[in-house]
């Protein structure tokens, strides 16, 4: 039996709360503008800039953690879908809904090229690409996903949907789900041929190599 984790108290509890607020605020700020200053994150999180710098010495450290978190959560959503042995289309659509709601994939893509990668981040990106390809191909082989759409096409479409953010109570979550449902209908039912070229892995990888910031 797993022992319950001891509750934090005092300064440690406050630090944990601040860290959660900082990461949540950073996701919102950098999804809109990866070039935003770190002070914008502190203001949105309603924490002092010194509290932010104690946890993340610089903006690049914060961006790297956000990307790592986004890739980790994206991989988890893909693994859940691949473990689902039910209807392939249902598993695929439910996965995309989870990804869109968590905005994990979009965040990782938006931050690509904004910081120097680490071996951990690079390995996570490779793993996510492999899991995404497996899920995509399984859905196509089941005849549920149109054959002229690539995994990279879907990554970029999800990023576009994740950018929907308007001043409504749910922050646009309902609209994002609406547009994903509309998009899924076009992916599920084969229509006329799509204009070429399709997106591929090289298009996505180019971002991580932007400005020579890909790790060695």
N, C-alpha and C. Protein backbone atom coordinates (compact mmCIF):
# COMPACT_ATOMS: atom_id res chain seq x y z
N UNK A 1 0.84 -1.20 0.00
CA UNK A 1 0.00 0.00 0.00
C UNK A 1 0.88 1.25 0.00
N UNK A 2 0.57 2.21 -0.88
CA UNK A 2 1.36 3.42 -0.97
C UNK A 2 1.06 4.34 0.19
N UNK A 3 2.12 4.79 0.85
CA UNK A 3 1.94 5.70 1.96
C UNK A 3 1.51 7.06 1.43
N UNK A 4 0.54 7.72 2.09
CA UNK A 4 0.13 9.05 1.63
C UNK A 4 1.26 10.04 1.79
N UNK A 5 1.35 10.97 0.83
CA UNK A 5 2.40 11.97 0.90
C UNK A 5 2.11 12.93 2.04
N UNK A 6 3.13 13.28 2.81
CA UNK A 6 2.91 14.23 3.90
C UNK A 6 2.50 15.58 3.35
N UNK A 7 1.59 16.22 4.07
CA UNK A 7 1.14 17.54 3.64
C UNK A 7 2.23 18.57 3.89
N UNK A 8 2.37 19.48 2.93
CA UNK A 8 3.33 20.55 3.08
C UNK A 8 2.75 21.62 3.98
N UNK A 9 3.61 22.31 4.65
CA UNK A 9 3.14 23.37 5.52
C UNK A 9 4.07 24.56 5.44
N UNK A 10 3.59 25.70 5.90
CA UNK A 10 4.41 26.89 5.96
C UNK A 10 4.95 27.32 4.62
N UNK A 11 6.25 27.65 4.61
CA UNK A 11 6.86 28.18 3.39
C UNK A 11 6.86 27.19 2.24
N UNK A 12 7.02 25.90 2.55
CA UNK A 12 7.03 24.89 1.48
C UNK A 12 5.67 24.82 0.78
N UNK A 13 4.61 24.90 1.56
CA UNK A 13 3.27 24.87 0.98
C UNK A 13 3.04 26.10 0.11
N UNK A 14 3.49 27.25 0.60
CA UNK A 14 3.33 28.48 -0.17
C UNK A 14 4.14 28.41 -1.46
N UNK A 15 5.36 27.85 -1.37
CA UNK A 15 6.21 27.72 -2.57
C UNK A 15 5.56 26.81 -3.60
N UNK A 16 4.94 25.71 -3.13
CA UNK A 16 4.27 24.78 -4.05
C UNK A 16 3.09 25.46 -4.73
N UNK A 17 2.33 26.25 -3.95
CA UNK A 17 1.19 26.96 -4.54
C UNK A 17 1.68 27.98 -5.56
N UNK A 18 2.74 28.69 -5.21
CA UNK A 18 3.28 29.68 -6.14
C UNK A 18 3.76 29.03 -7.44
N UNK A 19 4.40 27.86 -7.31
CA UNK A 19 4.91 27.18 -8.49
C UNK A 19 3.77 26.78 -9.42
N UNK A 20 2.68 26.26 -8.84
CA UNK A 20 1.53 25.90 -9.65
C UNK A 20 0.92 27.10 -10.35
N UNK A 21 0.83 28.21 -9.64
CA UNK A 21 0.28 29.43 -10.23
C UNK A 21 1.19 29.96 -11.33
N UNK A 22 2.49 29.88 -11.11
CA UNK A 22 3.44 30.35 -12.12
C UNK A 22 3.33 29.53 -13.40
N UNK A 23 3.29 28.21 -13.27
CA UNK A 23 3.21 27.36 -14.46
C UNK A 23 1.88 27.55 -15.20
N UNK A 24 0.79 27.65 -14.44
CA UNK A 24 -0.52 27.87 -15.08
C UNK A 24 -0.52 29.21 -15.83
N UNK A 25 0.01 30.25 -15.19
CA UNK A 25 0.05 31.56 -15.82
C UNK A 25 0.96 31.55 -17.05
N UNK A 26 2.10 30.87 -16.93
CA UNK A 26 3.04 30.82 -18.05
C UNK A 26 2.43 30.13 -19.26
N UNK A 27 1.64 29.09 -19.04
CA UNK A 27 0.98 28.41 -20.15
C UNK A 27 0.10 29.39 -20.91
N UNK A 28 -0.70 30.15 -20.17
CA UNK A 28 -1.62 31.09 -20.82
C UNK A 28 -0.85 32.20 -21.54
N UNK A 29 0.16 32.74 -20.90
CA UNK A 29 0.91 33.85 -21.47
C UNK A 29 1.66 33.42 -22.73
N UNK A 30 2.39 32.30 -22.64
CA UNK A 30 3.26 31.92 -23.75
C UNK A 30 2.52 31.21 -24.87
N UNK A 31 1.33 30.69 -24.62
CA UNK A 31 0.52 30.18 -25.73
C UNK A 31 0.13 31.32 -26.66
N UNK A 32 -0.13 32.47 -26.07
CA UNK A 32 -0.49 33.63 -26.88
C UNK A 32 0.73 34.27 -27.51
N UNK A 33 1.81 34.41 -26.72
CA UNK A 33 3.00 35.10 -27.21
C UNK A 33 4.26 34.53 -26.56
N UNK A 34 4.97 33.62 -27.24
CA UNK A 34 6.20 33.05 -26.68
C UNK A 34 7.27 34.09 -26.40
N UNK A 35 7.16 35.27 -27.01
CA UNK A 35 8.15 36.33 -26.81
C UNK A 35 7.80 37.23 -25.63
N UNK A 36 6.71 36.97 -24.95
CA UNK A 36 6.30 37.82 -23.82
C UNK A 36 7.38 37.81 -22.73
N UNK A 37 7.54 38.93 -22.01
CA UNK A 37 8.55 38.98 -20.94
C UNK A 37 8.11 38.15 -19.74
N UNK A 38 9.07 37.71 -18.96
CA UNK A 38 8.76 36.88 -17.81
C UNK A 38 7.96 37.66 -16.76
N UNK A 39 8.06 38.99 -16.79
CA UNK A 39 7.28 39.81 -15.87
C UNK A 39 5.78 39.66 -16.12
N UNK A 40 5.40 39.36 -17.37
CA UNK A 40 3.98 39.16 -17.68
C UNK A 40 3.45 37.90 -17.00
N UNK A 41 4.31 36.90 -16.84
CA UNK A 41 3.93 35.68 -16.14
C UNK A 41 3.71 35.97 -14.66
N UNK A 42 4.65 36.71 -14.06
CA UNK A 42 4.53 37.05 -12.64
C UNK A 42 3.25 37.84 -12.38
N UNK A 43 2.94 38.78 -13.27
CA UNK A 43 1.74 39.59 -13.10
C UNK A 43 0.49 38.74 -13.20
N UNK A 44 0.45 37.82 -14.17
CA UNK A 44 -0.73 36.98 -14.34
C UNK A 44 -0.88 36.00 -13.18
N UNK A 45 0.24 35.51 -12.66
CA UNK A 45 0.20 34.57 -11.54
C UNK A 45 -0.03 35.27 -10.21
N UNK A 46 0.09 36.59 -10.24
CA UNK A 46 -0.05 37.41 -9.03
C UNK A 46 0.95 36.99 -7.95
N UNK A 47 2.19 36.83 -8.40
CA UNK A 47 3.29 36.56 -7.48
C UNK A 47 4.39 37.59 -7.76
N UNK A 48 5.22 37.81 -6.79
CA UNK A 48 6.33 38.74 -6.98
C UNK A 48 7.35 38.18 -7.95
N UNK A 49 8.04 39.07 -8.65
CA UNK A 49 9.03 38.61 -9.62
C UNK A 49 10.15 37.85 -8.93
N UNK A 50 10.43 38.17 -7.67
CA UNK A 50 11.48 37.46 -6.94
C UNK A 50 11.08 36.02 -6.67
N UNK A 51 9.78 35.79 -6.40
CA UNK A 51 9.30 34.42 -6.18
C UNK A 51 9.44 33.59 -7.44
N UNK A 52 9.22 34.22 -8.58
CA UNK A 52 9.35 33.51 -9.85
C UNK A 52 10.82 33.16 -10.12
N UNK A 53 11.70 34.13 -9.89
CA UNK A 53 13.11 33.89 -10.16
C UNK A 53 13.74 32.88 -9.19
N UNK A 54 13.18 32.76 -8.00
CA UNK A 54 13.70 31.74 -7.08
C UNK A 54 13.46 30.34 -7.63
N UNK A 55 12.36 30.17 -8.34
CA UNK A 55 12.03 28.85 -8.90
C UNK A 55 12.65 28.67 -10.28
N UNK A 56 12.64 29.71 -11.09
CA UNK A 56 13.16 29.65 -12.45
C UNK A 56 14.12 30.81 -12.66
N UNK A 57 15.43 30.54 -12.65
CA UNK A 57 16.43 31.62 -12.73
C UNK A 57 16.32 32.50 -13.96
N UNK A 58 15.76 31.98 -15.04
CA UNK A 58 15.63 32.77 -16.26
C UNK A 58 14.45 32.29 -17.08
N UNK A 59 14.10 33.07 -18.09
CA UNK A 59 12.95 32.72 -18.93
C UNK A 59 13.16 31.39 -19.62
N UNK A 60 14.36 31.13 -20.08
CA UNK A 60 14.62 29.88 -20.80
C UNK A 60 14.37 28.68 -19.90
N UNK A 61 14.68 28.78 -18.60
CA UNK A 61 14.43 27.68 -17.67
C UNK A 61 12.93 27.41 -17.57
N UNK A 62 12.14 28.48 -17.53
CA UNK A 62 10.69 28.33 -17.45
C UNK A 62 10.13 27.75 -18.74
N UNK A 63 10.59 28.23 -19.88
CA UNK A 63 10.13 27.70 -21.16
C UNK A 63 10.47 26.21 -21.30
N UNK A 64 11.66 25.85 -20.86
CA UNK A 64 12.08 24.45 -20.96
C UNK A 64 11.19 23.55 -20.11
N UNK A 65 10.84 24.00 -18.91
CA UNK A 65 9.97 23.21 -18.03
C UNK A 65 8.57 23.10 -18.61
N UNK A 66 8.07 24.17 -19.18
CA UNK A 66 6.74 24.13 -19.79
C UNK A 66 6.70 23.16 -20.97
N UNK A 67 7.73 23.19 -21.80
CA UNK A 67 7.79 22.27 -22.94
C UNK A 67 7.88 20.83 -22.46
N UNK A 68 8.72 20.59 -21.44
CA UNK A 68 8.86 19.23 -20.90
C UNK A 68 7.52 18.75 -20.37
N UNK A 69 6.83 19.60 -19.63
CA UNK A 69 5.52 19.24 -19.07
C UNK A 69 4.51 18.98 -20.18
N UNK A 70 4.51 19.84 -21.20
CA UNK A 70 3.57 19.67 -22.30
C UNK A 70 3.80 18.37 -23.06
N UNK A 71 5.06 18.06 -23.35
CA UNK A 71 5.37 16.82 -24.06
C UNK A 71 5.03 15.60 -23.22
N UNK A 72 5.28 15.68 -21.91
CA UNK A 72 4.97 14.55 -21.03
C UNK A 72 3.48 14.26 -21.01
N UNK A 73 2.68 15.32 -20.88
CA UNK A 73 1.23 15.14 -20.83
C UNK A 73 0.68 14.69 -22.19
N UNK A 74 1.25 15.20 -23.27
CA UNK A 74 0.85 14.78 -24.61
C UNK A 74 1.13 13.30 -24.80
N UNK A 75 2.30 12.84 -24.39
CA UNK A 75 2.64 11.42 -24.49
C UNK A 75 1.68 10.58 -23.68
N UNK A 76 1.30 11.04 -22.49
CA UNK A 76 0.36 10.30 -21.67
C UNK A 76 -0.99 10.14 -22.35
N UNK A 77 -1.49 11.20 -22.98
CA UNK A 77 -2.77 11.13 -23.69
C UNK A 77 -2.70 10.14 -24.85
N UNK A 78 -1.59 10.13 -25.57
CA UNK A 78 -1.43 9.21 -26.69
C UNK A 78 -1.35 7.76 -26.21
N UNK A 79 -0.67 7.53 -25.11
CA UNK A 79 -0.55 6.17 -24.56
C UNK A 79 -1.90 5.63 -24.13
N UNK A 80 -2.73 6.48 -23.53
CA UNK A 80 -4.08 6.07 -23.13
C UNK A 80 -4.87 5.64 -24.36
N UNK A 81 -4.78 6.41 -25.44
CA UNK A 81 -5.51 6.08 -26.66
C UNK A 81 -5.03 4.77 -27.27
N UNK A 82 -3.72 4.57 -27.29
CA UNK A 82 -3.18 3.35 -27.88
C UNK A 82 -3.53 2.11 -27.05
N UNK A 83 -3.74 2.29 -25.76
CA UNK A 83 -4.11 1.17 -24.89
C UNK A 83 -5.59 0.83 -25.00
N UNK A 84 -6.36 1.69 -25.63
CA UNK A 84 -7.81 1.49 -25.78
C UNK A 84 -8.03 0.54 -26.97
N UNK A 85 -8.55 -0.65 -26.68
CA UNK A 85 -8.77 -1.63 -27.76
C UNK A 85 -10.21 -1.61 -28.26
N UNK A 86 -10.91 -0.52 -27.99
CA UNK A 86 -12.27 -0.37 -28.50
C UNK A 86 -12.27 0.19 -29.92
N UNK A 87 -13.31 0.92 -30.26
CA UNK A 87 -13.44 1.48 -31.59
C UNK A 87 -12.29 2.47 -31.86
N UNK A 88 -11.50 2.26 -32.92
CA UNK A 88 -10.34 3.12 -33.18
C UNK A 88 -10.69 4.60 -33.34
N UNK A 89 -11.79 4.88 -34.02
CA UNK A 89 -12.16 6.28 -34.23
C UNK A 89 -12.54 6.95 -32.91
N UNK A 90 -13.27 6.24 -32.06
CA UNK A 90 -13.64 6.80 -30.76
C UNK A 90 -12.40 7.06 -29.92
N UNK A 91 -11.46 6.12 -29.91
CA UNK A 91 -10.22 6.31 -29.15
C UNK A 91 -9.45 7.51 -29.68
N UNK A 92 -9.43 7.67 -31.00
CA UNK A 92 -8.70 8.77 -31.62
C UNK A 92 -9.34 10.11 -31.27
N UNK A 93 -10.66 10.22 -31.43
CA UNK A 93 -11.32 11.49 -31.17
C UNK A 93 -11.26 11.87 -29.69
N UNK A 94 -11.42 10.88 -28.80
CA UNK A 94 -11.33 11.17 -27.38
C UNK A 94 -9.94 11.64 -26.99
N UNK A 95 -8.93 11.08 -27.65
CA UNK A 95 -7.55 11.51 -27.41
C UNK A 95 -7.36 12.97 -27.82
N UNK A 96 -7.83 13.33 -29.00
CA UNK A 96 -7.66 14.70 -29.46
C UNK A 96 -8.41 15.68 -28.57
N UNK A 97 -9.55 15.27 -28.05
CA UNK A 97 -10.29 16.14 -27.12
C UNK A 97 -9.50 16.36 -25.84
N UNK A 98 -8.88 15.29 -25.32
CA UNK A 98 -8.07 15.44 -24.11
C UNK A 98 -6.87 16.35 -24.37
N UNK A 99 -6.24 16.15 -25.51
CA UNK A 99 -5.07 16.96 -25.86
C UNK A 99 -5.47 18.43 -25.99
N UNK A 100 -6.59 18.67 -26.65
CA UNK A 100 -7.04 20.05 -26.84
C UNK A 100 -7.40 20.71 -25.52
N UNK A 101 -8.11 19.98 -24.66
CA UNK A 101 -8.50 20.55 -23.36
C UNK A 101 -7.27 20.87 -22.52
N UNK A 102 -6.25 20.00 -22.55
CA UNK A 102 -5.05 20.23 -21.77
C UNK A 102 -4.09 21.20 -22.42
N UNK A 103 -4.23 21.41 -23.73
CA UNK A 103 -3.41 22.32 -24.53
C UNK A 103 -1.92 21.99 -24.39
N UNK A 104 -1.65 20.73 -24.07
CA UNK A 104 -0.26 20.31 -23.85
C UNK A 104 0.54 20.32 -25.14
N UNK A 105 -0.04 19.74 -26.20
CA UNK A 105 0.66 19.64 -27.47
C UNK A 105 0.91 21.01 -28.07
N UNK A 106 -0.09 21.88 -28.00
CA UNK A 106 0.05 23.20 -28.59
C UNK A 106 1.15 23.99 -27.90
N UNK A 107 1.22 23.85 -26.58
CA UNK A 107 2.24 24.58 -25.84
C UNK A 107 3.64 24.13 -26.25
N UNK A 108 3.84 22.82 -26.34
CA UNK A 108 5.15 22.30 -26.74
C UNK A 108 5.53 22.81 -28.12
N UNK A 109 4.59 22.83 -29.05
CA UNK A 109 4.88 23.31 -30.41
C UNK A 109 5.15 24.80 -30.43
N UNK A 110 4.39 25.58 -29.66
CA UNK A 110 4.58 27.02 -29.65
C UNK A 110 5.96 27.40 -29.12
N UNK A 111 6.49 26.58 -28.20
CA UNK A 111 7.76 26.91 -27.58
C UNK A 111 8.95 26.33 -28.34
N UNK A 112 8.67 25.51 -29.35
CA UNK A 112 9.77 24.91 -30.12
C UNK A 112 10.66 26.00 -30.70
N UNK A 113 11.96 25.85 -30.50
CA UNK A 113 12.91 26.83 -31.01
C UNK A 113 13.11 28.03 -30.10
N UNK A 114 12.39 28.09 -28.97
CA UNK A 114 12.49 29.23 -28.07
C UNK A 114 13.54 29.03 -26.98
N UNK A 115 14.09 27.84 -26.90
CA UNK A 115 15.09 27.56 -25.87
C UNK A 115 15.99 26.43 -26.37
N UNK A 116 17.15 26.30 -25.71
CA UNK A 116 18.05 25.21 -26.07
C UNK A 116 17.54 23.93 -25.43
N UNK A 117 17.37 22.90 -26.25
CA UNK A 117 16.81 21.64 -25.76
C UNK A 117 17.83 20.87 -24.92
N UNK A 118 17.29 19.97 -24.12
CA UNK A 118 18.12 19.04 -23.33
C UNK A 118 17.92 17.64 -23.90
N UNK A 119 18.77 16.69 -23.55
CA UNK A 119 18.56 15.31 -24.00
C UNK A 119 17.18 14.78 -23.60
N UNK A 120 16.70 15.17 -22.40
CA UNK A 120 15.38 14.72 -21.96
C UNK A 120 14.28 15.26 -22.86
N UNK A 121 14.34 16.54 -23.17
CA UNK A 121 13.32 17.14 -24.02
C UNK A 121 13.36 16.54 -25.42
N UNK A 122 14.56 16.34 -25.96
CA UNK A 122 14.69 15.76 -27.29
C UNK A 122 14.12 14.35 -27.33
N UNK A 123 14.41 13.55 -26.29
CA UNK A 123 13.90 12.18 -26.23
C UNK A 123 12.38 12.17 -26.11
N UNK A 124 11.84 13.10 -25.34
CA UNK A 124 10.39 13.19 -25.20
C UNK A 124 9.74 13.54 -26.53
N UNK A 125 10.34 14.48 -27.26
CA UNK A 125 9.78 14.88 -28.55
C UNK A 125 9.78 13.71 -29.53
N UNK A 126 10.86 12.93 -29.53
CA UNK A 126 10.93 11.76 -30.40
C UNK A 126 9.86 10.74 -30.01
N UNK A 127 9.70 10.52 -28.71
CA UNK A 127 8.70 9.56 -28.23
C UNK A 127 7.28 10.00 -28.61
N UNK A 128 7.00 11.27 -28.43
CA UNK A 128 5.68 11.79 -28.79
C UNK A 128 5.44 11.60 -30.29
N UNK A 129 6.46 11.86 -31.11
CA UNK A 129 6.30 11.68 -32.54
C UNK A 129 5.99 10.24 -32.91
N UNK A 130 6.65 9.29 -32.25
CA UNK A 130 6.40 7.88 -32.53
C UNK A 130 5.01 7.46 -32.08
N UNK A 131 4.60 7.88 -30.89
CA UNK A 131 3.27 7.53 -30.39
C UNK A 131 2.18 8.13 -31.29
N UNK A 132 2.39 9.37 -31.70
CA UNK A 132 1.42 10.04 -32.56
C UNK A 132 1.30 9.31 -33.90
N UNK A 133 2.44 8.90 -34.46
CA UNK A 133 2.42 8.18 -35.73
C UNK A 133 1.67 6.86 -35.60
N UNK A 134 1.93 6.12 -34.51
CA UNK A 134 1.26 4.83 -34.30
C UNK A 134 -0.26 5.00 -34.19
N UNK A 135 -0.69 5.99 -33.43
CA UNK A 135 -2.13 6.21 -33.28
C UNK A 135 -2.76 6.63 -34.60
N UNK A 136 -2.09 7.50 -35.30
CA UNK A 136 -2.58 7.99 -36.59
C UNK A 136 -2.73 6.83 -37.59
N UNK A 137 -1.68 6.03 -37.70
CA UNK A 137 -1.71 4.92 -38.66
C UNK A 137 -2.75 3.87 -38.28
N UNK A 138 -2.89 3.61 -37.00
CA UNK A 138 -3.91 2.64 -36.57
C UNK A 138 -5.30 3.11 -36.98
N UNK A 139 -5.56 4.40 -36.81
CA UNK A 139 -6.87 4.94 -37.15
C UNK A 139 -7.09 4.92 -38.66
N UNK A 140 -6.04 5.20 -39.43
CA UNK A 140 -6.17 5.13 -40.89
C UNK A 140 -6.38 3.69 -41.37
N UNK A 141 -5.64 2.76 -40.78
CA UNK A 141 -5.77 1.36 -41.18
C UNK A 141 -7.16 0.81 -40.88
N UNK A 142 -7.84 1.40 -39.89
CA UNK A 142 -9.21 0.98 -39.57
C UNK A 142 -10.22 1.59 -40.54
N UNK A 143 -9.74 2.44 -41.46
CA UNK A 143 -10.62 3.08 -42.43
C UNK A 143 -11.42 4.22 -41.84
N UNK A 144 -10.97 4.76 -40.69
CA UNK A 144 -11.74 5.80 -40.01
C UNK A 144 -11.18 7.20 -40.23
N UNK A 145 -9.95 7.28 -40.70
CA UNK A 145 -9.30 8.58 -40.89
C UNK A 145 -8.83 8.70 -42.33
N UNK A 146 -9.16 9.81 -42.97
CA UNK A 146 -8.84 9.94 -44.39
C UNK A 146 -7.34 9.73 -44.62
N UNK A 147 -7.01 9.03 -45.70
CA UNK A 147 -5.62 8.59 -45.91
C UNK A 147 -4.66 9.68 -46.36
N UNK A 148 -5.17 10.84 -46.77
CA UNK A 148 -4.28 11.89 -47.28
C UNK A 148 -3.92 12.93 -46.22
N UNK A 149 -4.19 12.60 -44.95
CA UNK A 149 -3.84 13.49 -43.84
C UNK A 149 -2.66 12.88 -43.09
N UNK A 150 -1.66 13.69 -42.78
CA UNK A 150 -0.48 13.21 -42.08
C UNK A 150 -0.57 13.53 -40.59
N UNK A 151 0.22 12.84 -39.75
CA UNK A 151 0.25 13.18 -38.33
C UNK A 151 0.67 14.63 -38.10
N UNK A 152 1.59 15.14 -38.91
CA UNK A 152 2.03 16.54 -38.76
C UNK A 152 0.90 17.50 -39.11
N UNK A 153 0.05 17.14 -40.09
CA UNK A 153 -1.13 17.96 -40.39
C UNK A 153 -1.96 18.15 -39.13
N UNK A 154 -2.20 17.05 -38.42
CA UNK A 154 -3.07 17.09 -37.24
C UNK A 154 -2.42 17.89 -36.12
N UNK A 155 -1.11 17.77 -35.95
CA UNK A 155 -0.40 18.54 -34.92
C UNK A 155 -0.60 20.04 -35.16
N UNK A 156 -0.46 20.47 -36.40
CA UNK A 156 -0.60 21.89 -36.71
C UNK A 156 -2.05 22.36 -36.58
N UNK A 157 -3.00 21.50 -36.94
CA UNK A 157 -4.41 21.84 -36.78
C UNK A 157 -4.77 22.00 -35.31
N UNK A 158 -4.25 21.11 -34.46
CA UNK A 158 -4.51 21.22 -33.03
C UNK A 158 -3.92 22.50 -32.47
N UNK A 159 -2.76 22.87 -32.96
CA UNK A 159 -2.15 24.12 -32.48
C UNK A 159 -3.02 25.32 -32.83
N UNK A 160 -3.56 25.32 -34.04
CA UNK A 160 -4.44 26.42 -34.44
C UNK A 160 -5.68 26.48 -33.56
N UNK A 161 -6.28 25.33 -33.29
CA UNK A 161 -7.46 25.29 -32.44
C UNK A 161 -7.14 25.76 -31.02
N UNK A 162 -5.98 25.40 -30.53
CA UNK A 162 -5.61 25.77 -29.16
C UNK A 162 -5.41 27.26 -29.01
N UNK A 163 -5.21 27.97 -30.10
CA UNK A 163 -4.99 29.42 -30.01
C UNK A 163 -6.29 30.18 -29.80
N UNK A 164 -7.44 29.50 -29.89
CA UNK A 164 -8.72 30.16 -29.66
C UNK A 164 -8.83 30.53 -28.19
N UNK A 165 -8.80 31.81 -27.90
CA UNK A 165 -8.90 32.30 -26.52
C UNK A 165 -9.61 33.65 -26.55
N UNK A 166 -10.81 33.68 -26.03
CA UNK A 166 -11.58 34.92 -26.02
C UNK A 166 -12.09 35.15 -24.60
N UNK A 167 -12.44 36.40 -24.25
CA UNK A 167 -12.86 36.71 -22.89
C UNK A 167 -14.25 36.22 -22.55
N UNK A 168 -14.39 34.91 -22.41
CA UNK A 168 -15.63 34.30 -21.95
C UNK A 168 -15.31 33.48 -20.71
N UNK A 169 -16.32 33.10 -19.91
CA UNK A 169 -16.04 32.42 -18.63
C UNK A 169 -15.13 31.20 -18.73
N UNK A 170 -15.25 30.42 -19.80
CA UNK A 170 -14.42 29.22 -19.90
C UNK A 170 -13.15 29.45 -20.71
N UNK A 171 -12.85 30.69 -21.04
CA UNK A 171 -11.64 30.99 -21.78
C UNK A 171 -11.63 30.49 -23.21
N UNK A 172 -12.77 30.12 -23.74
CA UNK A 172 -12.85 29.63 -25.11
C UNK A 172 -12.80 28.13 -25.23
N UNK A 173 -12.81 27.40 -24.09
CA UNK A 173 -12.73 25.94 -24.13
C UNK A 173 -13.89 25.33 -24.91
N UNK A 174 -15.08 25.86 -24.72
CA UNK A 174 -16.25 25.34 -25.43
C UNK A 174 -16.14 25.54 -26.93
N UNK A 175 -15.65 26.71 -27.34
CA UNK A 175 -15.48 26.96 -28.76
C UNK A 175 -14.40 26.08 -29.36
N UNK A 176 -13.32 25.86 -28.61
CA UNK A 176 -12.26 24.98 -29.12
C UNK A 176 -12.82 23.58 -29.37
N UNK A 177 -13.65 23.08 -28.44
CA UNK A 177 -14.25 21.76 -28.63
C UNK A 177 -15.20 21.76 -29.83
N UNK A 178 -15.94 22.83 -30.00
CA UNK A 178 -16.85 22.93 -31.14
C UNK A 178 -16.08 22.83 -32.45
N UNK A 179 -15.00 23.57 -32.55
CA UNK A 179 -14.24 23.59 -33.80
C UNK A 179 -13.49 22.29 -34.01
N UNK A 180 -13.08 21.63 -32.93
CA UNK A 180 -12.45 20.32 -33.10
C UNK A 180 -13.47 19.32 -33.62
N UNK A 181 -14.70 19.37 -33.12
CA UNK A 181 -15.74 18.47 -33.60
C UNK A 181 -15.99 18.69 -35.09
N UNK A 182 -16.02 19.95 -35.50
CA UNK A 182 -16.20 20.26 -36.92
C UNK A 182 -15.02 19.75 -37.73
N UNK A 183 -13.83 19.92 -37.21
CA UNK A 183 -12.64 19.44 -37.90
C UNK A 183 -12.63 17.92 -38.02
N UNK A 184 -13.00 17.24 -36.94
CA UNK A 184 -13.01 15.77 -36.96
C UNK A 184 -13.98 15.23 -38.00
N UNK A 185 -15.08 15.93 -38.21
CA UNK A 185 -16.03 15.48 -39.23
C UNK A 185 -15.38 15.52 -40.62
N UNK A 186 -14.56 16.51 -40.86
CA UNK A 186 -13.90 16.60 -42.17
C UNK A 186 -12.78 15.58 -42.29
N UNK A 187 -12.16 15.20 -41.16
CA UNK A 187 -11.11 14.19 -41.20
C UNK A 187 -11.69 12.78 -41.33
N UNK A 188 -12.89 12.58 -40.79
CA UNK A 188 -13.50 11.26 -40.75
C UNK A 188 -14.14 10.88 -42.07
N UNK A 189 -14.80 11.82 -42.69
CA UNK A 189 -15.52 11.55 -43.93
C UNK A 189 -14.65 12.01 -45.10
N UNK A 190 -14.24 11.08 -45.93
CA UNK A 190 -13.37 11.41 -47.06
C UNK A 190 -14.10 12.33 -48.03
N UNK A 191 -13.48 13.45 -48.32
CA UNK A 191 -14.04 14.39 -49.30
C UNK A 191 -13.18 14.41 -50.54
N UNK A 192 -13.11 15.56 -51.17
CA UNK A 192 -12.28 15.69 -52.35
C UNK A 192 -10.81 15.74 -51.97
N UNK A 193 -9.93 15.64 -52.94
CA UNK A 193 -8.49 15.64 -52.66
C UNK A 193 -8.04 16.98 -52.06
N UNK A 194 -7.06 16.91 -51.20
CA UNK A 194 -6.52 18.12 -50.57
C UNK A 194 -5.38 18.67 -51.40
N UNK A 195 -5.21 20.00 -51.41
CA UNK A 195 -4.05 20.58 -52.11
C UNK A 195 -2.76 20.10 -51.45
N UNK A 196 -1.74 19.93 -52.23
CA UNK A 196 -0.43 19.54 -51.72
C UNK A 196 0.43 20.79 -51.56
N UNK A 197 1.47 20.75 -50.73
CA UNK A 197 1.97 19.57 -50.01
C UNK A 197 1.31 19.41 -48.65
N UNK A 198 1.43 18.21 -48.10
CA UNK A 198 1.00 17.96 -46.74
C UNK A 198 2.15 18.29 -45.80
N UNK A 199 1.83 18.58 -44.55
CA UNK A 199 2.88 18.79 -43.56
C UNK A 199 3.55 17.46 -43.26
N UNK A 200 4.84 17.52 -42.90
CA UNK A 200 5.55 16.30 -42.52
C UNK A 200 6.42 16.59 -41.30
N UNK A 201 7.14 15.58 -40.84
CA UNK A 201 7.94 15.74 -39.62
C UNK A 201 9.01 16.82 -39.78
N UNK A 202 9.50 17.02 -41.00
CA UNK A 202 10.54 18.03 -41.21
C UNK A 202 10.01 19.43 -40.91
N UNK A 203 8.74 19.67 -41.19
CA UNK A 203 8.14 20.97 -40.91
C UNK A 203 8.15 21.24 -39.41
N UNK A 204 7.81 20.22 -38.62
CA UNK A 204 7.79 20.38 -37.17
C UNK A 204 9.19 20.49 -36.61
N UNK A 205 10.11 19.68 -37.11
CA UNK A 205 11.48 19.67 -36.59
C UNK A 205 12.19 20.99 -36.87
N UNK A 206 11.79 21.67 -37.95
CA UNK A 206 12.46 22.93 -38.30
C UNK A 206 12.32 23.95 -37.19
N UNK A 207 11.21 23.92 -36.46
CA UNK A 207 11.03 24.87 -35.37
C UNK A 207 12.05 24.66 -34.27
N UNK A 208 12.32 23.40 -33.96
CA UNK A 208 13.25 23.10 -32.88
C UNK A 208 14.68 23.48 -33.27
N UNK A 209 14.92 23.64 -34.57
CA UNK A 209 16.24 24.03 -35.02
C UNK A 209 16.35 25.52 -35.26
N UNK A 210 15.28 26.24 -34.98
CA UNK A 210 15.26 27.68 -35.25
C UNK A 210 16.38 28.38 -34.50
N UNK A 211 17.04 29.28 -35.18
CA UNK A 211 18.10 30.10 -34.59
C UNK A 211 19.19 29.28 -33.95
N UNK A 212 19.38 28.03 -34.44
CA UNK A 212 20.46 27.20 -33.93
C UNK A 212 20.32 26.81 -32.47
N UNK A 213 19.07 26.70 -31.98
CA UNK A 213 18.87 26.45 -30.56
C UNK A 213 18.61 25.00 -30.24
N UNK A 214 18.74 24.13 -31.23
CA UNK A 214 18.60 22.70 -30.96
C UNK A 214 19.81 22.21 -30.20
N UNK A 215 19.57 21.46 -29.12
CA UNK A 215 20.68 20.97 -28.31
C UNK A 215 21.57 20.02 -29.09
N UNK A 216 22.79 19.88 -28.63
CA UNK A 216 23.73 18.97 -29.30
C UNK A 216 23.38 17.53 -28.99
